[in-house]
N, C-alpha and C. Protein backbone atom coordinates (compact mmCIF):
# COMPACT_ATOMS: atom_id res chain seq x y z
N MET A 1 100.57 41.82 81.92
CA MET A 1 101.29 42.43 83.00
C MET A 1 100.34 43.30 83.80
N ILE A 2 100.35 43.12 85.09
CA ILE A 2 99.49 43.90 85.97
C ILE A 2 100.33 44.99 86.63
N ARG A 3 99.86 46.20 86.50
CA ARG A 3 100.58 47.32 87.13
C ARG A 3 99.86 47.71 88.40
N THR A 4 100.63 47.99 89.39
CA THR A 4 100.02 48.46 90.64
C THR A 4 100.33 49.93 90.80
N ALA A 5 99.37 50.65 91.26
CA ALA A 5 99.56 52.09 91.46
C ALA A 5 100.43 52.32 92.69
N ILE A 6 101.24 53.33 92.61
CA ILE A 6 102.06 53.72 93.76
C ILE A 6 101.16 54.47 94.71
N PRO A 7 101.08 54.03 95.95
CA PRO A 7 100.19 54.72 96.88
C PRO A 7 100.68 56.14 97.17
N ILE A 8 99.77 57.06 97.12
CA ILE A 8 100.09 58.45 97.44
C ILE A 8 99.32 58.80 98.70
N ARG A 9 100.02 59.30 99.65
CA ARG A 9 99.40 59.63 100.92
C ARG A 9 98.46 60.82 100.74
N PRO A 10 97.36 60.86 101.46
CA PRO A 10 96.38 61.95 101.31
C PRO A 10 96.99 63.33 101.53
N HIS A 11 97.93 63.47 102.46
CA HIS A 11 98.49 64.81 102.71
C HIS A 11 99.34 65.30 101.55
N THR A 12 99.86 64.40 100.69
CA THR A 12 100.64 64.81 99.53
C THR A 12 99.78 65.64 98.59
N TRP A 13 98.54 65.23 98.37
CA TRP A 13 97.63 65.98 97.51
C TRP A 13 97.30 67.34 98.13
N LEU A 14 97.15 67.37 99.42
CA LEU A 14 96.84 68.62 100.11
C LEU A 14 98.00 69.61 99.98
N ILE A 15 99.21 69.12 100.16
CA ILE A 15 100.39 69.99 100.03
C ILE A 15 100.51 70.50 98.60
N ALA A 16 100.31 69.63 97.62
CA ALA A 16 100.38 70.04 96.21
C ALA A 16 99.32 71.11 95.90
N ALA A 17 98.12 70.93 96.41
CA ALA A 17 97.05 71.90 96.18
C ALA A 17 97.38 73.24 96.83
N MET A 18 97.96 73.20 98.02
CA MET A 18 98.32 74.45 98.70
C MET A 18 99.43 75.18 97.95
N LEU A 19 100.44 74.46 97.45
CA LEU A 19 101.51 75.09 96.68
C LEU A 19 100.98 75.70 95.39
N PHE A 20 100.07 75.00 94.72
CA PHE A 20 99.48 75.51 93.49
C PHE A 20 98.71 76.80 93.78
N ALA A 21 97.92 76.81 94.84
CA ALA A 21 97.13 77.99 95.20
C ALA A 21 98.04 79.15 95.56
N ALA A 22 99.11 78.89 96.30
CA ALA A 22 100.04 79.96 96.69
C ALA A 22 100.73 80.54 95.47
N ALA A 23 101.14 79.70 94.53
CA ALA A 23 101.80 80.18 93.31
C ALA A 23 100.86 81.05 92.49
N ALA A 24 99.58 80.71 92.48
CA ALA A 24 98.61 81.49 91.71
C ALA A 24 98.38 82.87 92.33
N LEU A 25 98.58 83.00 93.63
CA LEU A 25 98.34 84.27 94.31
C LEU A 25 99.55 85.18 94.38
N LEU A 26 100.76 84.65 94.14
CA LEU A 26 101.97 85.47 94.22
C LEU A 26 102.02 86.46 93.07
N PRO A 27 102.48 87.70 93.34
CA PRO A 27 102.62 88.67 92.26
C PRO A 27 103.75 88.25 91.32
N SER A 28 103.59 88.61 90.07
CA SER A 28 104.64 88.30 89.09
C SER A 28 104.73 89.42 88.08
N GLY A 29 105.72 89.35 87.23
CA GLY A 29 105.88 90.34 86.18
C GLY A 29 106.87 91.41 86.56
N PRO A 30 107.13 92.36 85.65
CA PRO A 30 108.15 93.37 85.85
C PRO A 30 107.93 94.25 87.08
N ALA A 31 106.69 94.49 87.45
CA ALA A 31 106.44 95.37 88.58
C ALA A 31 106.93 94.77 89.89
N HIS A 32 107.14 93.47 89.93
CA HIS A 32 107.56 92.82 91.16
C HIS A 32 108.93 92.17 91.04
N ALA A 33 109.66 92.50 90.00
CA ALA A 33 110.97 91.89 89.78
C ALA A 33 112.05 92.53 90.64
N CYS A 34 111.79 93.67 91.18
CA CYS A 34 112.79 94.43 91.93
C CYS A 34 112.59 94.27 93.43
N ALA A 35 113.59 93.72 94.10
CA ALA A 35 113.48 93.52 95.56
C ALA A 35 113.52 94.84 96.32
N CYS A 36 114.08 95.86 95.71
CA CYS A 36 114.23 97.14 96.40
C CYS A 36 113.38 98.25 95.79
N CYS A 37 112.36 97.89 95.05
CA CYS A 37 111.49 98.90 94.46
C CYS A 37 110.87 99.74 95.57
N GLY A 38 110.71 101.01 95.30
CA GLY A 38 110.13 101.90 96.30
C GLY A 38 111.16 102.44 97.27
N THR A 39 112.43 102.28 96.93
CA THR A 39 113.51 102.81 97.77
C THR A 39 114.40 103.70 96.90
N TYR A 40 115.57 104.04 97.41
CA TYR A 40 116.51 104.88 96.68
C TYR A 40 117.80 104.12 96.42
N ARG A 41 118.58 104.64 95.46
CA ARG A 41 119.91 104.10 95.17
C ARG A 41 120.89 105.25 95.05
N VAL A 42 122.18 104.94 95.18
CA VAL A 42 123.24 105.95 95.12
C VAL A 42 123.51 106.31 93.67
N ILE A 43 123.57 107.62 93.38
CA ILE A 43 123.94 108.10 92.05
C ILE A 43 124.98 109.21 92.21
N ASN A 44 125.54 109.67 91.10
CA ASN A 44 126.50 110.78 91.06
C ASN A 44 127.75 110.54 91.91
N VAL A 45 128.13 109.26 92.08
CA VAL A 45 129.36 108.91 92.80
C VAL A 45 130.21 108.10 91.82
N GLU A 46 131.47 108.50 91.65
CA GLU A 46 132.37 107.80 90.73
C GLU A 46 132.58 106.36 91.17
N SER A 47 132.92 105.48 90.22
CA SER A 47 133.07 104.06 90.51
C SER A 47 134.16 103.77 91.54
N TRP A 48 135.13 104.65 91.66
CA TRP A 48 136.23 104.46 92.60
C TRP A 48 135.98 105.13 93.95
N ASP A 49 134.86 105.81 94.10
CA ASP A 49 134.57 106.61 95.29
C ASP A 49 133.43 105.98 96.10
N VAL A 50 133.10 106.60 97.23
CA VAL A 50 131.99 106.15 98.07
C VAL A 50 131.17 107.37 98.50
N LEU A 51 129.93 107.10 98.90
CA LEU A 51 129.09 108.14 99.49
C LEU A 51 129.16 107.99 101.00
N ASN A 52 129.54 109.06 101.67
CA ASN A 52 129.64 109.04 103.13
C ASN A 52 128.27 109.23 103.76
N VAL A 53 127.94 108.35 104.69
CA VAL A 53 126.73 108.50 105.50
C VAL A 53 127.20 109.11 106.81
N ARG A 54 126.60 110.22 107.20
CA ARG A 54 127.08 110.98 108.36
C ARG A 54 126.09 110.92 109.52
N SER A 55 126.60 111.22 110.70
CA SER A 55 125.78 111.17 111.91
C SER A 55 124.82 112.34 112.01
N GLY A 56 125.03 113.37 111.21
CA GLY A 56 124.16 114.54 111.20
C GLY A 56 124.11 115.16 109.83
N PRO A 57 123.29 116.19 109.66
CA PRO A 57 123.06 116.80 108.35
C PRO A 57 124.12 117.84 107.96
N GLY A 58 125.32 117.38 107.63
CA GLY A 58 126.37 118.29 107.18
C GLY A 58 127.71 117.59 107.15
N VAL A 59 128.67 118.19 106.42
CA VAL A 59 129.99 117.58 106.28
C VAL A 59 130.81 117.63 107.56
N SER A 60 130.42 118.43 108.52
CA SER A 60 131.16 118.50 109.78
C SER A 60 130.83 117.33 110.72
N TYR A 61 129.80 116.56 110.39
CA TYR A 61 129.43 115.43 111.23
C TYR A 61 130.27 114.20 110.89
N GLN A 62 130.40 113.31 111.85
CA GLN A 62 131.21 112.11 111.72
C GLN A 62 130.66 111.16 110.65
N ILE A 63 131.56 110.52 109.88
CA ILE A 63 131.17 109.49 108.91
C ILE A 63 130.91 108.21 109.68
N ILE A 64 129.70 107.66 109.54
CA ILE A 64 129.35 106.45 110.28
C ILE A 64 129.23 105.22 109.38
N GLU A 65 129.18 105.44 108.07
CA GLU A 65 129.07 104.34 107.11
C GLU A 65 129.38 104.90 105.74
N THR A 66 129.68 104.03 104.79
CA THR A 66 129.86 104.45 103.40
C THR A 66 128.99 103.57 102.51
N LEU A 67 128.56 104.15 101.41
CA LEU A 67 127.75 103.43 100.42
C LEU A 67 128.49 103.47 99.09
N ALA A 68 128.52 102.35 98.40
CA ALA A 68 129.18 102.26 97.11
C ALA A 68 128.30 102.85 96.01
N PRO A 69 128.93 103.23 94.89
CA PRO A 69 128.12 103.71 93.76
C PRO A 69 127.10 102.67 93.36
N ASP A 70 125.89 103.09 93.13
CA ASP A 70 124.77 102.25 92.70
C ASP A 70 124.23 101.34 93.80
N ASP A 71 124.70 101.49 95.05
CA ASP A 71 124.08 100.76 96.16
C ASP A 71 122.60 101.10 96.20
N GLY A 72 121.78 100.15 96.58
CA GLY A 72 120.34 100.38 96.61
C GLY A 72 119.72 100.00 97.93
N CYS A 73 118.42 99.89 97.92
CA CYS A 73 117.63 99.55 99.11
C CYS A 73 117.81 100.58 100.22
N ILE A 74 117.92 101.83 99.85
CA ILE A 74 118.09 102.92 100.80
C ILE A 74 116.71 103.52 101.05
N VAL A 75 116.36 103.66 102.32
CA VAL A 75 115.04 104.19 102.69
C VAL A 75 115.21 105.57 103.29
N ARG A 76 114.48 106.54 102.77
CA ARG A 76 114.47 107.88 103.38
C ARG A 76 113.49 107.89 104.53
N THR A 77 113.90 108.44 105.66
CA THR A 77 113.04 108.44 106.84
C THR A 77 112.03 109.58 106.82
N GLY A 78 112.23 110.53 105.94
CA GLY A 78 111.32 111.67 105.86
C GLY A 78 111.90 112.92 106.50
N GLU A 79 112.83 112.74 107.42
CA GLU A 79 113.46 113.89 108.07
C GLU A 79 114.42 114.54 107.08
N ARG A 80 114.39 115.89 107.06
CA ARG A 80 115.20 116.62 106.08
C ARG A 80 115.65 117.94 106.66
N LYS A 81 116.89 118.34 106.35
CA LYS A 81 117.42 119.65 106.72
C LYS A 81 118.17 120.19 105.52
N GLY A 82 117.57 121.14 104.83
CA GLY A 82 118.16 121.66 103.60
C GLY A 82 118.26 120.56 102.56
N ASN A 83 119.47 120.36 102.01
CA ASN A 83 119.68 119.31 101.02
C ASN A 83 120.03 117.96 101.67
N TRP A 84 120.06 117.90 102.98
CA TRP A 84 120.41 116.68 103.68
C TRP A 84 119.16 115.91 104.09
N VAL A 85 119.20 114.59 103.84
CA VAL A 85 118.07 113.74 104.19
C VAL A 85 118.55 112.59 105.08
N ARG A 86 117.70 112.20 105.99
CA ARG A 86 118.02 111.08 106.87
C ARG A 86 117.60 109.79 106.17
N ILE A 87 118.48 108.81 106.20
CA ILE A 87 118.23 107.54 105.51
C ILE A 87 118.48 106.35 106.44
N MET A 88 117.98 105.21 106.00
CA MET A 88 118.31 103.93 106.62
C MET A 88 118.88 103.04 105.52
N ALA A 89 120.09 102.50 105.76
CA ALA A 89 120.73 101.60 104.80
C ALA A 89 121.74 100.74 105.56
N LYS A 90 121.87 99.50 105.14
CA LYS A 90 122.83 98.57 105.76
C LYS A 90 122.63 98.45 107.27
N GLY A 91 121.41 98.63 107.72
CA GLY A 91 121.12 98.49 109.14
C GLY A 91 121.47 99.70 110.00
N ILE A 92 121.84 100.80 109.38
CA ILE A 92 122.16 102.02 110.14
C ILE A 92 121.26 103.17 109.68
N THR A 93 121.20 104.18 110.50
CA THR A 93 120.47 105.40 110.15
C THR A 93 121.46 106.55 110.17
N GLY A 94 121.45 107.36 109.12
CA GLY A 94 122.37 108.48 109.02
C GLY A 94 121.88 109.49 108.00
N TRP A 95 122.77 110.41 107.64
CA TRP A 95 122.41 111.52 106.75
C TRP A 95 123.29 111.54 105.50
N VAL A 96 122.66 111.84 104.35
CA VAL A 96 123.38 112.03 103.08
C VAL A 96 122.77 113.23 102.36
N ASN A 97 123.55 113.79 101.44
CA ASN A 97 123.02 114.86 100.60
C ASN A 97 122.10 114.24 99.56
N ARG A 98 120.93 114.82 99.39
CA ARG A 98 119.92 114.22 98.50
C ARG A 98 120.33 114.17 97.04
N LYS A 99 121.32 114.96 96.62
CA LYS A 99 121.76 114.92 95.22
C LYS A 99 122.42 113.60 94.85
N TYR A 100 122.70 112.77 95.87
CA TYR A 100 123.32 111.47 95.63
C TYR A 100 122.33 110.32 95.70
N LEU A 101 121.06 110.64 95.73
CA LEU A 101 120.02 109.60 95.79
C LEU A 101 119.08 109.70 94.60
N GLN A 102 118.66 108.54 94.13
CA GLN A 102 117.67 108.48 93.04
C GLN A 102 116.61 107.46 93.42
N TRP A 103 115.36 107.83 93.21
CA TRP A 103 114.21 106.97 93.51
C TRP A 103 114.21 105.77 92.58
N VAL A 104 113.94 104.59 93.12
CA VAL A 104 113.78 103.36 92.33
C VAL A 104 112.30 103.01 92.37
N PRO A 105 111.59 103.26 91.26
CA PRO A 105 110.13 103.01 91.26
C PRO A 105 109.79 101.53 91.34
């Protein structure tokens, strides 16, 4: 019995080599398992409650968004007034009390 090889196009080998090289360069392991590492998450909020994101640094400012307990991927902008910090989350920018945020390393 004579077997004939299945023809493989030259670009197939090139694509395979590129995918192999890309996979070898991608970070892996526990340090890169977290999509939101280097941001903050909501803490000290009961499971039935929400954290109010306000338009300014204080309870007298309008609520513009809410965050659920343990919500993550919250970025602090660096601006701060007392215990209030300016954040970016869910595509909005607002203010929360820092006692409700925890750093995610």
